[in-house]
Amino acid sequence: MRDKIHPEYKETTIACVCGEVIHTRSTKQNIHVDICSKCHPFFTGKQKLVDAAGRVERFAKRYAGKVKPAKAKSDSATEAPPEEK
């Protein structure tokens, strides 16, 4: 390997605005992040599905009367084929 082509890999801390501090190694030092796994809604389980501007209700209202019942399959597939003479 050639010398002096790789970046320095040094001890660093990652700090979140929630107060979580993670000690690791990186090529950058003292990284500050807005959100981490301790406070992100996806990882904490507090994620909520937000209905943007009533889209679900609007969809339900638009297609409320237009739903067709599923067609029943005919029993012809279970019947025996006609005999040939």
C-alpha atoms as a PDB file:
ATOM      1  CA  MET A   1       0.000   0.000   0.000  1.00  0.00           C
ATOM      2  CA  ARG A   2       1.113   3.499  -0.657  1.00  0.00           C
ATOM      3  CA  ASP A   3       1.797   5.775   2.268  1.00  0.00           C
ATOM      4  CA  LYS A   4      -0.074   9.013   3.012  1.00  0.00           C
ATOM      5  CA  ILE A   5      -3.046   8.452   0.664  1.00  0.00           C
ATOM      6  CA  HIS A   6      -5.592   7.332   3.261  1.00  0.00           C
ATOM      7  CA  PRO A   7      -7.460   9.819   5.469  1.00  0.00           C
ATOM      8  CA  GLU A   8      -6.877   9.809   9.221  1.00  0.00           C
ATOM      9  CA  TYR A   9      -9.325   7.573  11.074  1.00  0.00           C
ATOM     10  CA  LYS A  10      -9.667   9.028  14.552  1.00  0.00           C
ATOM     11  CA  GLU A  11     -11.889   8.926  17.638  1.00  0.00           C
ATOM     12  CA  THR A  12     -14.954  11.177  17.322  1.00  0.00           C
ATOM     13  CA  THR A  13     -18.255  11.929  19.012  1.00  0.00           C
ATOM     14  CA  ILE A  14     -21.636  12.197  17.336  1.00  0.00           C
ATOM     15  CA  ALA A  15     -23.992  14.506  19.218  1.00  0.00           C
ATOM     16  CA  CYS A  16     -27.746  14.733  18.612  1.00  0.00           C
ATOM     17  CA  VAL A  17     -29.965  17.660  19.594  1.00  0.00           C
ATOM     18  CA  CYS A  18     -31.899  15.293  21.908  1.00  0.00           C
ATOM     19  CA  GLY A  19     -28.768  14.909  24.028  1.00  0.00           C
ATOM     20  CA  GLU A  20     -27.625  11.493  22.842  1.00  0.00           C
ATOM     21  CA  VAL A  21     -23.841  11.215  22.444  1.00  0.00           C
ATOM     22  CA  ILE A  22     -22.251   8.350  20.513  1.00  0.00           C
ATOM     23  CA  HIS A  23     -18.512   7.692  20.631  1.00  0.00           C
ATOM     24  CA  THR A  24     -17.086   6.081  17.509  1.00  0.00           C
ATOM     25  CA  ARG A  25     -14.337   6.452  14.928  1.00  0.00           C
ATOM     26  CA  SER A  26     -14.551   8.481  11.743  1.00  0.00           C
ATOM     27  CA  THR A  27     -12.584  10.619   9.349  1.00  0.00           C
ATOM     28  CA  LYS A  28     -14.525  13.648  10.642  1.00  0.00           C
ATOM     29  CA  GLN A  29     -14.459  14.908  14.210  1.00  0.00           C
ATOM     30  CA  ASN A  30     -17.333  16.111  16.401  1.00  0.00           C
ATOM     31  CA  ILE A  31     -20.348  15.434  14.205  1.00  0.00           C
ATOM     32  CA  HIS A  32     -23.641  17.138  15.152  1.00  0.00           C
ATOM     33  CA  VAL A  33     -26.922  15.641  13.898  1.00  0.00           C
ATOM     34  CA  ASP A  34     -30.539  16.791  14.171  1.00  0.00           C
ATOM     35  CA  ILE A  35     -32.064  13.365  14.730  1.00  0.00           C
ATOM     36  CA  CYS A  36     -30.730   9.980  15.833  1.00  0.00           C
ATOM     37  CA  SER A  37     -32.049   6.471  16.477  1.00  0.00           C
ATOM     38  CA  LYS A  38     -32.989   7.405  20.062  1.00  0.00           C
ATOM     39  CA  CYS A  39     -35.367  10.191  19.027  1.00  0.00           C
ATOM     40  CA  HIS A  40     -36.438   9.317  15.454  1.00  0.00           C
ATOM     41  CA  PRO A  41     -40.162   8.385  15.333  1.00  0.00           C
ATOM     42  CA  PHE A  42     -39.533   5.336  13.158  1.00  0.00           C
ATOM     43  CA  PHE A  43     -37.171   3.748  15.683  1.00  0.00           C
ATOM     44  CA  THR A  44     -39.078   4.812  18.803  1.00  0.00           C
ATOM     45  CA  GLY A  45     -42.386   3.384  17.556  1.00  0.00           C
ATOM     46  CA  LYS A  46     -44.209   6.695  17.916  1.00  0.00           C
ATOM     47  CA  GLN A  47     -44.602   7.239  14.187  1.00  0.00           C
ATOM     48  CA  LYS A  48     -48.079   8.365  13.221  1.00  0.00           C
ATOM     49  CA  LEU A  49     -49.701   8.109   9.847  1.00  0.00           C
ATOM     50  CA  VAL A  50     -50.824  11.580   8.886  1.00  0.00           C
ATOM     51  CA  ASP A  51     -53.779  11.949   6.579  1.00  0.00           C
ATOM     52  CA  ALA A  52     -52.750  14.865   4.396  1.00  0.00           C
ATOM     53  CA  ALA A  53     -55.768  17.076   3.715  1.00  0.00           C
ATOM     54  CA  GLY A  54     -58.377  14.324   4.148  1.00  0.00           C
ATOM     55  CA  ARG A  55     -57.229  12.229   1.214  1.00  0.00           C
ATOM     56  CA  VAL A  56     -58.504   8.971   2.681  1.00  0.00           C
ATOM     57  CA  GLU A  57     -61.972  10.408   3.302  1.00  0.00           C
ATOM     58  CA  ARG A  58     -62.029  11.974  -0.160  1.00  0.00           C
ATOM     59  CA  PHE A  59     -61.091   8.632  -1.745  1.00  0.00           C
ATOM     60  CA  ALA A  60     -63.722   6.766   0.284  1.00  0.00           C
ATOM     61  CA  LYS A  61     -66.382   9.314  -0.635  1.00  0.00           C
ATOM     62  CA  ARG A  62     -65.506   9.238  -4.328  1.00  0.00           C
ATOM     63  CA  TYR A  63     -65.582   5.469  -4.666  1.00  0.00           C
ATOM     64  CA  ALA A  64     -68.215   4.627  -2.035  1.00  0.00           C
ATOM     65  CA  GLY A  65     -70.956   3.588  -4.482  1.00  0.00           C
ATOM     66  CA  LYS A  66     -68.758   2.363  -7.318  1.00  0.00           C
ATOM     67  CA  VAL A  67     -67.448  -0.828  -5.772  1.00  0.00           C
ATOM     68  CA  LYS A  68     -68.637  -3.843  -7.757  1.00  0.00           C
ATOM     69  CA  PRO A  69     -68.989  -7.199  -6.058  1.00  0.00           C
ATOM     70  CA  ALA A  70     -66.521  -9.817  -7.190  1.00  0.00           C
ATOM     71  CA  LYS A  71     -67.852 -12.055  -9.932  1.00  0.00           C
ATOM     72  CA  ALA A  72     -68.578 -15.561  -8.775  1.00  0.00           C
ATOM     73  CA  LYS A  73     -66.694 -18.156 -10.730  1.00  0.00           C
ATOM     74  CA  SER A  74     -68.968 -20.441 -12.688  1.00  0.00           C
ATOM     75  CA  ASP A  75     -69.021 -24.071 -11.727  1.00  0.00           C
ATOM     76  CA  SER A  76     -68.199 -25.104 -15.291  1.00  0.00           C
ATOM     77  CA  ALA A  77     -64.616 -25.757 -14.287  1.00  0.00           C
ATOM     78  CA  THR A  78     -65.746 -28.397 -11.830  1.00  0.00           C
ATOM     79  CA  GLU A  79     -68.185 -30.031 -14.227  1.00  0.00           C
ATOM     80  CA  ALA A  80     -67.130 -32.947 -16.385  1.00  0.00           C
ATOM     81  CA  PRO A  81     -66.531 -32.139 -20.029  1.00  0.00           C
ATOM     82  CA  PRO A  82     -69.281 -33.230 -22.450  1.00  0.00           C
ATOM     83  CA  GLU A  83     -68.842 -36.650 -23.992  1.00  0.00           C
ATOM     84  CA  GLU A  84     -67.981 -36.799 -27.669  1.00  0.00           C
ATOM     85  CA  LYS A  85     -69.597 -39.362 -30.042  1.00  0.00           C
END
